[in-house]
């Protein structure tokens, strides 16, 4: 399995888990958790793909640092602007967003490790 396919499989699995968790919550938190997971997936998917594609190149560190700055900026924008504007429960949406980003960063790291070490 290629690194790209492995990464996409991880994205799909995290999205499915996020949907199940959101579906299990009460109505008062379901929307915020679903939006947090969705935003995390929408941000992380291209950033992780960009990072995986830059493995072994001279631009890897720049890509990784820019990706982390973008991720942190999105968390700040959601917490400081979007949550208050839409009346979302800030803790719920930020917890879901940060958890999704962290799990997807783990998927990215495992994919990168397997690619760099040649593990199948």
Protein backbone atom coordinates (compact mmCIF):
# COMPACT_ATOMS: atom_id res chain seq x y z
CA UNK A 1 0.00 0.00 0.00
CA UNK A 2 1.35 3.41 -0.93
CA UNK A 3 1.79 6.21 1.58
CA UNK A 4 -1.00 8.17 -0.08
CA UNK A 5 -3.47 5.30 0.18
CA UNK A 6 -2.45 4.63 3.77
CA UNK A 7 -2.99 8.29 4.64
CA UNK A 8 -6.40 8.41 2.92
CA UNK A 9 -7.44 5.26 4.76
CA UNK A 10 -6.45 6.90 8.05
CA UNK A 11 -8.43 10.04 7.15
CA UNK A 12 -11.51 7.98 6.36
CA UNK A 13 -11.21 5.99 9.58
CA UNK A 14 -10.85 9.13 11.71
CA UNK A 15 -13.82 10.71 9.93
CA UNK A 16 -15.94 7.64 10.59
CA UNK A 17 -14.96 7.54 14.26
CA UNK A 18 -15.71 11.26 14.58
CA UNK A 19 -19.14 10.79 13.00
CA UNK A 20 -19.94 7.91 15.36
CA UNK A 21 -18.85 9.92 18.41
CA UNK A 22 -20.88 12.95 17.31
CA UNK A 23 -23.90 10.73 16.71
CA UNK A 24 -23.66 9.28 20.21
CA UNK A 25 -23.76 12.69 21.89
CA UNK A 26 -26.80 14.57 23.02
CA UNK A 27 -28.38 17.13 20.75
CA UNK A 28 -26.86 20.04 22.71
CA UNK A 29 -23.28 19.07 21.71
CA UNK A 30 -23.74 17.04 18.53
CA UNK A 31 -23.51 19.99 16.13
CA UNK A 32 -20.38 21.46 17.71
CA UNK A 33 -18.56 18.13 17.81
CA UNK A 34 -19.56 17.36 14.21
CA UNK A 35 -18.33 20.77 13.05
CA UNK A 36 -15.09 20.37 15.02
CA UNK A 37 -14.40 16.99 13.40
CA UNK A 38 -15.35 18.32 9.95
CA UNK A 39 -13.14 21.39 10.25
CA UNK A 40 -10.28 19.21 11.48
CA UNK A 41 -10.65 16.88 8.50
CA UNK A 42 -10.90 19.75 6.02
CA UNK A 43 -7.78 21.41 7.41
CA UNK A 44 -5.68 18.32 8.01
CA UNK A 45 -6.41 16.44 4.77
CA UNK A 46 -4.53 18.79 2.43
CA UNK A 47 -1.87 19.70 5.00
CA UNK A 48 -1.09 16.08 5.77
CA UNK A 49 -1.06 15.20 2.08
CA UNK A 50 1.32 18.10 1.43
CA UNK A 51 3.59 16.90 4.24
CA UNK A 52 3.58 13.29 3.03
CA UNK A 53 4.41 14.44 -0.50
CA UNK A 54 7.35 16.50 0.80
CA UNK A 55 9.05 13.60 2.60
CA UNK A 56 12.66 13.25 1.56
CA UNK A 57 12.81 16.68 -0.05
CA UNK A 58 14.63 19.78 1.03
CA UNK A 59 11.37 21.58 1.72
CA UNK A 60 10.04 19.09 4.29
CA UNK A 61 10.82 21.22 7.36
CA UNK A 62 9.29 24.32 5.80
CA UNK A 63 6.15 22.38 4.85
CA UNK A 64 5.87 20.89 8.34
CA UNK A 65 6.32 24.25 10.10
CA UNK A 66 3.85 26.05 7.81
CA UNK A 67 1.36 23.24 8.34
CA UNK A 68 1.63 23.56 12.12
CA UNK A 69 1.19 27.36 11.92
CA UNK A 70 -1.92 26.89 9.79
CA UNK A 71 -3.34 24.28 12.20
CA UNK A 72 -2.77 26.52 15.23
CA UNK A 73 -4.26 29.48 13.37
CA UNK A 74 -7.40 27.50 12.56
CA UNK A 75 -7.81 26.53 16.23
CA UNK A 76 -7.47 30.19 17.21
CA UNK A 77 -9.93 31.36 14.54
CA UNK A 78 -12.50 28.77 15.56
CA UNK A 79 -12.13 29.52 19.27
CA UNK A 80 -11.96 33.29 19.08
CA UNK A 81 -14.15 34.12 16.08
CA UNK A 82 -16.39 31.32 14.82
CA UNK A 83 -17.58 29.81 18.09
CA UNK A 84 -18.73 33.13 19.58
CA UNK A 85 -20.20 34.30 16.27
CA UNK A 86 -22.35 31.19 15.82
CA UNK A 87 -23.10 30.67 19.51
CA UNK A 88 -21.32 27.32 19.59
CA UNK A 89 -20.24 25.68 22.83
CA UNK A 90 -16.57 26.62 22.61
CA UNK A 91 -15.15 23.77 24.68
CA UNK A 92 -17.01 21.14 22.66
CA UNK A 93 -15.99 22.41 19.24
CA UNK A 94 -12.39 23.06 20.27
CA UNK A 95 -12.07 19.66 21.95
CA UNK A 96 -13.38 17.93 18.84
CA UNK A 97 -11.21 20.04 16.53
CA UNK A 98 -8.01 19.58 18.51
CA UNK A 99 -8.64 15.86 19.06
CA UNK A 100 -9.24 15.38 15.34
CA UNK A 101 -6.10 17.30 14.42
CA UNK A 102 -4.00 15.35 16.93
CA UNK A 103 -5.25 11.96 15.77
CA UNK A 104 -4.72 12.93 12.14
CA UNK A 105 -1.22 14.17 12.97
CA UNK A 106 -0.59 10.73 14.43
CA UNK A 107 -1.86 9.16 11.19
CA UNK A 108 0.46 11.48 9.28
CA UNK A 109 3.43 10.58 11.48
CA UNK A 110 2.82 6.84 11.22
CA UNK A 111 2.42 7.14 7.45
CA UNK A 112 5.65 9.13 7.21
CA UNK A 113 7.52 6.70 9.46
CA UNK A 114 6.38 3.70 7.45
CA UNK A 115 7.31 5.44 4.22
CA UNK A 116 10.77 6.48 5.42
CA UNK A 117 11.67 3.14 7.01
CA UNK A 118 10.22 1.04 4.21
CA UNK A 119 7.82 -0.78 6.52
CA UNK A 120 4.88 -2.38 4.72
